[in-house]
Amino acid sequence: MELYNQLPNEEEQQNMLRIVSLRLKELDELYAKYMGRRIKGDAE
């Protein structure tokens, strides 16, 4: 959050939010794939 507040303008702040949002989406997808495989493996 401190880094966000240090950005020079609103455009840079919005860009950072987009990047963080995309990264969180990627992590969510990876977690879903991992848990899907893990649950599938536990069922066998």
PDB file of N, CA and C in Angstrom:
ATOM      1  N   MET A   1       0.826  -1.184   0.000  1.00  0.00           N
ATOM      2  CA  MET A   1       0.000   0.000   0.000  1.00  0.00           C
ATOM      3  C   MET A   1       0.873   1.251   0.000  1.00  0.00           C
ATOM      4  N   GLU A   2       1.975   1.190   0.716  1.00  0.00           N
ATOM      5  CA  GLU A   2       2.870   2.337   0.768  1.00  0.00           C
ATOM      6  C   GLU A   2       3.413   2.665  -0.623  1.00  0.00           C
ATOM      7  N   LEU A   3       3.786   1.635  -1.365  1.00  0.00           N
ATOM      8  CA  LEU A   3       4.283   1.831  -2.729  1.00  0.00           C
ATOM      9  C   LEU A   3       3.213   2.483  -3.600  1.00  0.00           C
ATOM     10  N   TYR A   4       1.982   2.012  -3.466  1.00  0.00           N
ATOM     11  CA  TYR A   4       0.855   2.568  -4.225  1.00  0.00           C
ATOM     12  C   TYR A   4       0.729   4.072  -3.968  1.00  0.00           C
ATOM     13  N   ASN A   5       0.813   4.468  -2.722  1.00  0.00           N
ATOM     14  CA  ASN A   5       0.668   5.883  -2.364  1.00  0.00           C
ATOM     15  C   ASN A   5       1.833   6.731  -2.858  1.00  0.00           C
ATOM     16  N   GLN A   6       2.965   6.114  -3.139  1.00  0.00           N
ATOM     17  CA  GLN A   6       4.133   6.856  -3.613  1.00  0.00           C
ATOM     18  C   GLN A   6       4.108   7.094  -5.123  1.00  0.00           C
ATOM     19  N   LEU A   7       3.202   6.435  -5.825  1.00  0.00           N
ATOM     20  CA  LEU A   7       3.149   6.614  -7.274  1.00  0.00           C
ATOM     21  C   LEU A   7       2.746   8.050  -7.599  1.00  0.00           C
ATOM     22  N   PRO A   8       3.325   8.600  -8.682  1.00  0.00           N
ATOM     23  CA  PRO A   8       3.192  10.030  -8.954  1.00  0.00           C
ATOM     24  C   PRO A   8       1.791  10.513  -9.339  1.00  0.00           C
ATOM     25  N   ASN A   9       0.999   9.679  -9.975  1.00  0.00           N
ATOM     26  CA  ASN A   9      -0.316  10.170 -10.398  1.00  0.00           C
ATOM     27  C   ASN A   9      -1.340   9.046 -10.429  1.00  0.00           C
ATOM     28  N   GLU A  10      -2.580   9.426 -10.655  1.00  0.00           N
ATOM     29  CA  GLU A  10      -3.676   8.454 -10.639  1.00  0.00           C
ATOM     30  C   GLU A  10      -3.534   7.414 -11.750  1.00  0.00           C
ATOM     31  N   GLU A  11      -3.012   7.822 -12.895  1.00  0.00           N
ATOM     32  CA  GLU A  11      -2.830   6.878 -14.005  1.00  0.00           C
ATOM     33  C   GLU A  11      -1.876   5.748 -13.605  1.00  0.00           C
ATOM     34  N   GLU A  12      -0.783   6.114 -12.952  1.00  0.00           N
ATOM     35  CA  GLU A  12       0.173   5.100 -12.485  1.00  0.00           C
ATOM     36  C   GLU A  12      -0.457   4.197 -11.428  1.00  0.00           C
ATOM     37  N   GLN A  13      -1.267   4.785 -10.562  1.00  0.00           N
ATOM     38  CA  GLN A  13      -1.944   3.988  -9.535  1.00  0.00           C
ATOM     39  C   GLN A  13      -2.911   2.996 -10.174  1.00  0.00           C
ATOM     40  N   GLN A  14      -3.664   3.437 -11.179  1.00  0.00           N
ATOM     41  CA  GLN A  14      -4.602   2.549 -11.864  1.00  0.00           C
ATOM     42  C   GLN A  14      -3.851   1.429 -12.581  1.00  0.00           C
ATOM     43  N   ASN A  15      -2.715   1.764 -13.180  1.00  0.00           N
ATOM     44  CA  ASN A  15      -1.899   0.761 -13.860  1.00  0.00           C
ATOM     45  C   ASN A  15      -1.418  -0.300 -12.869  1.00  0.00           C
ATOM     46  N   MET A  16      -0.978   0.132 -11.702  1.00  0.00           N
ATOM     47  CA  MET A  16      -0.523  -0.818 -10.686  1.00  0.00           C
ATOM     48  C   MET A  16      -1.677  -1.719 -10.242  1.00  0.00           C
ATOM     49  N   LEU A  17      -2.870  -1.145 -10.064  1.00  0.00           N
ATOM     50  CA  LEU A  17      -4.028  -1.946  -9.665  1.00  0.00           C
ATOM     51  C   LEU A  17      -4.364  -2.988 -10.721  1.00  0.00           C
ATOM     52  N   ARG A  18      -4.263  -2.618 -11.996  1.00  0.00           N
ATOM     53  CA  ARG A  18      -4.524  -3.575 -13.081  1.00  0.00           C
ATOM     54  C   ARG A  18      -3.526  -4.728 -13.035  1.00  0.00           C
ATOM     55  N   ILE A  19      -2.266  -4.398 -12.840  1.00  0.00           N
ATOM     56  CA  ILE A  19      -1.215  -5.423 -12.795  1.00  0.00           C
ATOM     57  C   ILE A  19      -1.439  -6.369 -11.618  1.00  0.00           C
ATOM     58  N   VAL A  20      -1.721  -5.819 -10.450  1.00  0.00           N
ATOM     59  CA  VAL A  20      -1.951  -6.647  -9.261  1.00  0.00           C
ATOM     60  C   VAL A  20      -3.191  -7.511  -9.462  1.00  0.00           C
ATOM     61  N   SER A  21      -4.226  -6.932 -10.048  1.00  0.00           N
ATOM     62  CA  SER A  21      -5.462  -7.677 -10.300  1.00  0.00           C
ATOM     63  C   SER A  21      -5.220  -8.854 -11.240  1.00  0.00           C
ATOM     64  N   LEU A  22      -4.463  -8.625 -12.307  1.00  0.00           N
ATOM     65  CA  LEU A  22      -4.148  -9.705 -13.243  1.00  0.00           C
ATOM     66  C   LEU A  22      -3.341 -10.805 -12.563  1.00  0.00           C
ATOM     67  N   ARG A  23      -2.395 -10.405 -11.734  1.00  0.00           N
ATOM     68  CA  ARG A  23      -1.561 -11.394 -11.036  1.00  0.00           C
ATOM     69  C   ARG A  23      -2.398 -12.227 -10.064  1.00  0.00           C
ATOM     70  N   LEU A  24      -3.314 -11.579  -9.362  1.00  0.00           N
ATOM     71  CA  LEU A  24      -4.183 -12.318  -8.442  1.00  0.00           C
ATOM     72  C   LEU A  24      -5.064 -13.300  -9.196  1.00  0.00           C
ATOM     73  N   LYS A  25      -5.530 -12.889 -10.370  1.00  0.00           N
ATOM     74  CA  LYS A  25      -6.351 -13.786 -11.185  1.00  0.00           C
ATOM     75  C   LYS A  25      -5.526 -15.010 -11.602  1.00  0.00           C
ATOM     76  N   GLU A  26      -4.278 -14.786 -12.014  1.00  0.00           N
ATOM     77  CA  GLU A  26      -3.396 -15.897 -12.388  1.00  0.00           C
ATOM     78  C   GLU A  26      -3.187 -16.838 -11.202  1.00  0.00           C
ATOM     79  N   LEU A  27      -2.959 -16.270 -10.028  1.00  0.00           N
ATOM     80  CA  LEU A  27      -2.749 -17.099  -8.842  1.00  0.00           C
ATOM     81  C   LEU A  27      -4.004 -17.890  -8.493  1.00  0.00           C
ATOM     82  N   ASP A  28      -5.177 -17.270  -8.633  1.00  0.00           N
ATOM     83  CA  ASP A  28      -6.440 -17.982  -8.395  1.00  0.00           C
ATOM     84  C   ASP A  28      -6.579 -19.171  -9.331  1.00  0.00           C
ATOM     85  N   GLU A  29      -6.236 -18.967 -10.608  1.00  0.00           N
ATOM     86  CA  GLU A  29      -6.339 -20.045 -11.595  1.00  0.00           C
ATOM     87  C   GLU A  29      -5.365 -21.180 -11.266  1.00  0.00           C
ATOM     88  N   LEU A  30      -4.140 -20.827 -10.894  1.00  0.00           N
ATOM     89  CA  LEU A  30      -3.158 -21.851 -10.524  1.00  0.00           C
ATOM     90  C   LEU A  30      -3.621 -22.636  -9.302  1.00  0.00           C
ATOM     91  N   TYR A  31      -4.164 -21.941  -8.322  1.00  0.00           N
ATOM     92  CA  TYR A  31      -4.654 -22.597  -7.110  1.00  0.00           C
ATOM     93  C   TYR A  31      -5.806 -23.544  -7.436  1.00  0.00           C
ATOM     94  N   ALA A  32      -6.722 -23.100  -8.296  1.00  0.00           N
ATOM     95  CA  ALA A  32      -7.859 -23.943  -8.683  1.00  0.00           C
ATOM     96  C   ALA A  32      -7.373 -25.208  -9.387  1.00  0.00           C
ATOM     97  N   LYS A  33      -6.384 -25.068 -10.276  1.00  0.00           N
ATOM     98  CA  LYS A  33      -5.830 -26.239 -10.966  1.00  0.00           C
ATOM     99  C   LYS A  33      -5.162 -27.178  -9.971  1.00  0.00           C
ATOM    100  N   TYR A  34      -4.391 -26.615  -9.055  1.00  0.00           N
ATOM    101  CA  TYR A  34      -3.691 -27.421  -8.055  1.00  0.00           C
ATOM    102  C   TYR A  34      -4.688 -28.178  -7.182  1.00  0.00           C
ATOM    103  N   MET A  35      -5.702 -27.477  -6.700  1.00  0.00           N
ATOM    104  CA  MET A  35      -6.687 -28.120  -5.824  1.00  0.00           C
ATOM    105  C   MET A  35      -7.494 -29.158  -6.596  1.00  0.00           C
ATOM    106  N   GLY A  36      -7.790 -28.895  -7.854  1.00  0.00           N
ATOM    107  CA  GLY A  36      -8.515 -29.865  -8.669  1.00  0.00           C
ATOM    108  C   GLY A  36      -7.736 -31.159  -8.803  1.00  0.00           C
ATOM    109  N   ARG A  37      -6.446 -31.043  -9.055  1.00  0.00           N
ATOM    110  CA  ARG A  37      -5.594 -32.239  -9.160  1.00  0.00           C
ATOM    111  C   ARG A  37      -5.466 -32.929  -7.811  1.00  0.00           C
ATOM    112  N   ARG A  38      -5.355 -32.153  -6.776  1.00  0.00           N
ATOM    113  CA  ARG A  38      -5.184 -32.729  -5.441  1.00  0.00           C
ATOM    114  C   ARG A  38      -6.442 -33.487  -5.016  1.00  0.00           C
ATOM    115  N   ILE A  39      -7.602 -32.902  -5.246  1.00  0.00           N
ATOM    116  CA  ILE A  39      -8.861 -33.565  -4.889  1.00  0.00           C
ATOM    117  C   ILE A  39      -9.039 -34.824  -5.727  1.00  0.00           C
ATOM    118  N   LYS A  40      -8.706 -34.708  -7.011  1.00  0.00           N
ATOM    119  CA  LYS A  40      -8.799 -35.863  -7.906  1.00  0.00           C
ATOM    120  C   LYS A  40      -7.868 -36.976  -7.417  1.00  0.00           C
ATOM    121  N   GLY A  41      -6.662 -36.600  -6.989  1.00  0.00           N
ATOM    122  CA  GLY A  41      -5.692 -37.573  -6.490  1.00  0.00           C
ATOM    123  C   GLY A  41      -6.144 -38.221  -5.194  1.00  0.00           C
ATOM    124  N   ASP A  42      -6.786 -37.469  -4.330  1.00  0.00           N
ATOM    125  CA  ASP A  42      -7.278 -38.014  -3.064  1.00  0.00           C
ATOM    126  C   ASP A  42      -8.415 -38.999  -3.279  1.00  0.00           C
ATOM    127  N   ALA A  43      -9.197 -38.793  -4.336  1.00  0.00           N
ATOM    128  CA  ALA A  43     -10.351 -39.655  -4.611  1.00  0.00           C
ATOM    129  C   ALA A  43      -9.917 -41.027  -5.122  1.00  0.00           C
ATOM    130  N   GLU A  44      -8.732 -41.092  -5.697  1.00  0.00           N
ATOM    131  CA  GLU A  44      -8.266 -42.368  -6.286  1.00  0.00           C
ATOM    132  C   GLU A  44      -7.706 -43.319  -5.266  1.00  0.00           C
TER     133      GLU A  44
END
